[in-house]
């Protein structure tokens, strides 16, 4: 199992919020094996973009201004 940093763990709620509309569009009841390639790629892109954005936000909040 992958061990997340505190910042990565803090970013997970934002990722879940970003994924919810995509899952709503796809259908929550659909098994992953039935997703089209485009749907799967969209889930991956949404996840990565949300994760990066939230990690950037967290990093900026943690910086010490000089």
N, C-alpha and C. Protein backbone atom coordinates (compact mmCIF):
# COMPACT_ATOMS: atom_id res chain seq x y z
N UNK A 1 0.83 -1.17 0.00
CA UNK A 1 0.00 0.00 0.00
C UNK A 1 0.88 1.24 0.00
N UNK A 2 0.47 2.23 -0.76
CA UNK A 2 1.20 3.48 -0.86
C UNK A 2 0.96 4.31 0.40
N UNK A 3 2.03 4.87 0.92
CA UNK A 3 1.91 5.74 2.09
C UNK A 3 1.88 7.19 1.62
N UNK A 4 0.80 7.90 1.95
CA UNK A 4 0.63 9.28 1.54
C UNK A 4 1.25 10.22 2.56
N UNK A 5 1.72 11.36 2.06
CA UNK A 5 2.16 12.42 2.96
C UNK A 5 0.92 13.09 3.54
N UNK A 6 1.11 13.92 4.57
CA UNK A 6 -0.03 14.65 5.15
C UNK A 6 -0.71 15.52 4.09
N UNK A 7 0.11 16.19 3.26
CA UNK A 7 -0.44 17.06 2.22
C UNK A 7 -1.25 16.27 1.20
N UNK A 8 -0.75 15.12 0.81
CA UNK A 8 -1.48 14.28 -0.14
C UNK A 8 -2.81 13.82 0.44
N UNK A 9 -2.80 13.45 1.70
CA UNK A 9 -4.03 13.04 2.38
C UNK A 9 -5.02 14.21 2.44
N UNK A 10 -4.51 15.40 2.70
CA UNK A 10 -5.36 16.58 2.75
C UNK A 10 -5.99 16.89 1.40
N UNK A 11 -5.34 16.49 0.32
CA UNK A 11 -5.85 16.79 -1.02
C UNK A 11 -6.97 15.85 -1.47
N UNK A 12 -7.13 14.72 -0.81
CA UNK A 12 -8.10 13.72 -1.26
C UNK A 12 -9.55 14.21 -1.30
N UNK A 13 -10.03 14.98 -0.32
CA UNK A 13 -11.41 15.47 -0.43
C UNK A 13 -11.65 16.31 -1.68
N UNK A 14 -10.68 17.14 -2.06
CA UNK A 14 -10.83 17.95 -3.27
C UNK A 14 -10.88 17.07 -4.52
N UNK A 15 -10.08 16.02 -4.52
CA UNK A 15 -10.11 15.07 -5.65
C UNK A 15 -11.47 14.39 -5.72
N UNK A 16 -12.00 13.97 -4.60
CA UNK A 16 -13.31 13.32 -4.60
C UNK A 16 -14.41 14.27 -5.07
N UNK A 17 -14.32 15.54 -4.66
CA UNK A 17 -15.31 16.53 -5.11
C UNK A 17 -15.23 16.72 -6.62
N UNK A 18 -14.01 16.70 -7.17
CA UNK A 18 -13.84 16.86 -8.62
C UNK A 18 -14.34 15.64 -9.38
N UNK A 19 -14.19 14.46 -8.80
CA UNK A 19 -14.61 13.23 -9.47
C UNK A 19 -16.12 13.01 -9.43
N UNK A 20 -16.78 13.56 -8.44
CA UNK A 20 -18.22 13.32 -8.29
C UNK A 20 -19.04 13.68 -9.53
N UNK A 21 -18.84 14.86 -10.15
CA UNK A 21 -19.62 15.16 -11.35
C UNK A 21 -19.34 14.20 -12.51
N UNK A 22 -18.10 13.76 -12.62
CA UNK A 22 -17.77 12.79 -13.68
C UNK A 22 -18.46 11.45 -13.42
N UNK A 23 -18.45 11.03 -12.17
CA UNK A 23 -19.12 9.77 -11.83
C UNK A 23 -20.63 9.90 -12.02
N UNK A 24 -21.16 11.06 -11.74
CA UNK A 24 -22.59 11.32 -11.95
C UNK A 24 -22.92 11.18 -13.44
N UNK A 25 -22.05 11.75 -14.28
CA UNK A 25 -22.24 11.69 -15.73
C UNK A 25 -22.15 10.24 -16.24
N UNK A 26 -21.15 9.52 -15.75
CA UNK A 26 -20.93 8.14 -16.19
C UNK A 26 -21.99 7.20 -15.64
N UNK A 27 -22.34 7.41 -14.39
CA UNK A 27 -23.28 6.53 -13.69
C UNK A 27 -22.56 5.76 -12.61
N UNK A 28 -22.96 6.01 -11.38
CA UNK A 28 -22.30 5.40 -10.22
C UNK A 28 -22.39 3.88 -10.23
N UNK A 29 -23.41 3.34 -10.83
CA UNK A 29 -23.63 1.90 -10.78
C UNK A 29 -22.82 1.13 -11.83
N UNK A 30 -22.22 1.83 -12.78
CA UNK A 30 -21.46 1.15 -13.84
C UNK A 30 -20.13 0.61 -13.31
N UNK A 31 -19.85 -0.67 -13.55
CA UNK A 31 -18.56 -1.23 -13.16
C UNK A 31 -17.43 -0.59 -13.99
N UNK A 32 -16.26 -0.46 -13.41
CA UNK A 32 -15.14 0.14 -14.12
C UNK A 32 -14.82 -0.60 -15.42
N UNK A 33 -15.00 -1.90 -15.43
CA UNK A 33 -14.73 -2.70 -16.62
C UNK A 33 -15.64 -2.36 -17.79
N UNK A 34 -16.73 -1.67 -17.53
CA UNK A 34 -17.67 -1.31 -18.60
C UNK A 34 -17.48 0.13 -19.08
N UNK A 35 -16.53 0.83 -18.52
CA UNK A 35 -16.30 2.21 -18.95
C UNK A 35 -15.59 2.23 -20.30
N UNK A 36 -15.93 3.23 -21.09
CA UNK A 36 -15.23 3.41 -22.36
C UNK A 36 -13.83 3.94 -22.07
N UNK A 37 -12.99 3.85 -23.07
CA UNK A 37 -11.63 4.37 -22.93
C UNK A 37 -11.68 5.87 -22.62
N UNK A 38 -12.56 6.59 -23.30
CA UNK A 38 -12.70 8.03 -23.08
C UNK A 38 -13.14 8.36 -21.67
N UNK A 39 -14.10 7.59 -21.14
CA UNK A 39 -14.56 7.81 -19.76
C UNK A 39 -13.44 7.55 -18.77
N UNK A 40 -12.69 6.49 -18.98
CA UNK A 40 -11.59 6.16 -18.08
C UNK A 40 -10.51 7.23 -18.14
N UNK A 41 -10.19 7.69 -19.34
CA UNK A 41 -9.19 8.75 -19.47
C UNK A 41 -9.67 10.03 -18.79
N UNK A 42 -10.95 10.35 -18.92
CA UNK A 42 -11.48 11.55 -18.28
C UNK A 42 -11.40 11.46 -16.77
N UNK A 43 -11.66 10.28 -16.21
CA UNK A 43 -11.52 10.10 -14.76
C UNK A 43 -10.08 10.30 -14.32
N UNK A 44 -9.15 9.76 -15.09
CA UNK A 44 -7.73 9.89 -14.74
C UNK A 44 -7.29 11.35 -14.84
N UNK A 45 -7.65 12.03 -15.92
CA UNK A 45 -7.27 13.43 -16.10
C UNK A 45 -7.88 14.30 -15.00
N UNK A 46 -9.14 14.07 -14.69
CA UNK A 46 -9.80 14.82 -13.63
C UNK A 46 -9.11 14.61 -12.29
N UNK A 47 -8.75 13.38 -12.00
CA UNK A 47 -8.07 13.05 -10.75
C UNK A 47 -6.72 13.75 -10.66
N UNK A 48 -5.92 13.64 -11.71
CA UNK A 48 -4.59 14.24 -11.70
C UNK A 48 -4.67 15.75 -11.61
N UNK A 49 -5.55 16.36 -12.39
CA UNK A 49 -5.67 17.82 -12.36
C UNK A 49 -6.12 18.32 -11.00
N UNK A 50 -7.10 17.65 -10.41
CA UNK A 50 -7.59 18.06 -9.08
C UNK A 50 -6.51 17.88 -8.03
N UNK A 51 -5.78 16.78 -8.10
CA UNK A 51 -4.71 16.51 -7.14
C UNK A 51 -3.62 17.58 -7.25
N UNK A 52 -3.19 17.86 -8.47
CA UNK A 52 -2.15 18.87 -8.67
C UNK A 52 -2.60 20.24 -8.17
N UNK A 53 -3.82 20.62 -8.51
CA UNK A 53 -4.33 21.93 -8.09
C UNK A 53 -4.39 22.03 -6.58
N UNK A 54 -4.87 20.99 -5.94
CA UNK A 54 -4.98 21.04 -4.47
C UNK A 54 -3.61 21.01 -3.81
N UNK A 55 -2.69 20.23 -4.35
CA UNK A 55 -1.34 20.19 -3.80
C UNK A 55 -0.67 21.56 -3.94
N UNK A 56 -0.89 22.24 -5.05
CA UNK A 56 -0.35 23.58 -5.25
C UNK A 56 -0.92 24.54 -4.22
N UNK A 57 -2.22 24.45 -4.02
CA UNK A 57 -2.89 25.31 -3.04
C UNK A 57 -2.33 25.07 -1.64
N UNK A 58 -2.19 23.81 -1.26
CA UNK A 58 -1.65 23.46 0.06
C UNK A 58 -0.23 23.96 0.20
N UNK A 59 0.58 23.80 -0.84
CA UNK A 59 1.97 24.24 -0.80
C UNK A 59 2.06 25.74 -0.62
N UNK A 60 1.22 26.49 -1.35
CA UNK A 60 1.22 27.95 -1.22
C UNK A 60 0.81 28.39 0.18
N UNK A 61 -0.13 27.68 0.79
CA UNK A 61 -0.58 28.01 2.14
C UNK A 61 0.51 27.74 3.17
N UNK A 62 1.36 26.74 2.89
CA UNK A 62 2.41 26.36 3.83
C UNK A 62 3.68 27.17 3.71
N UNK A 63 3.84 27.94 2.63
CA UNK A 63 5.05 28.73 2.43
C UNK A 63 5.13 29.86 3.45
N UNK A 64 6.33 30.14 3.86
CA UNK A 64 6.58 31.22 4.81
C UNK A 64 6.89 32.49 4.01
N UNK A 65 6.07 33.52 4.14
CA UNK A 65 6.34 34.75 3.39
C UNK A 65 7.52 35.53 3.97
N UNK A 66 8.37 36.00 3.09
CA UNK A 66 9.53 36.81 3.53
C UNK A 66 9.52 38.13 2.84
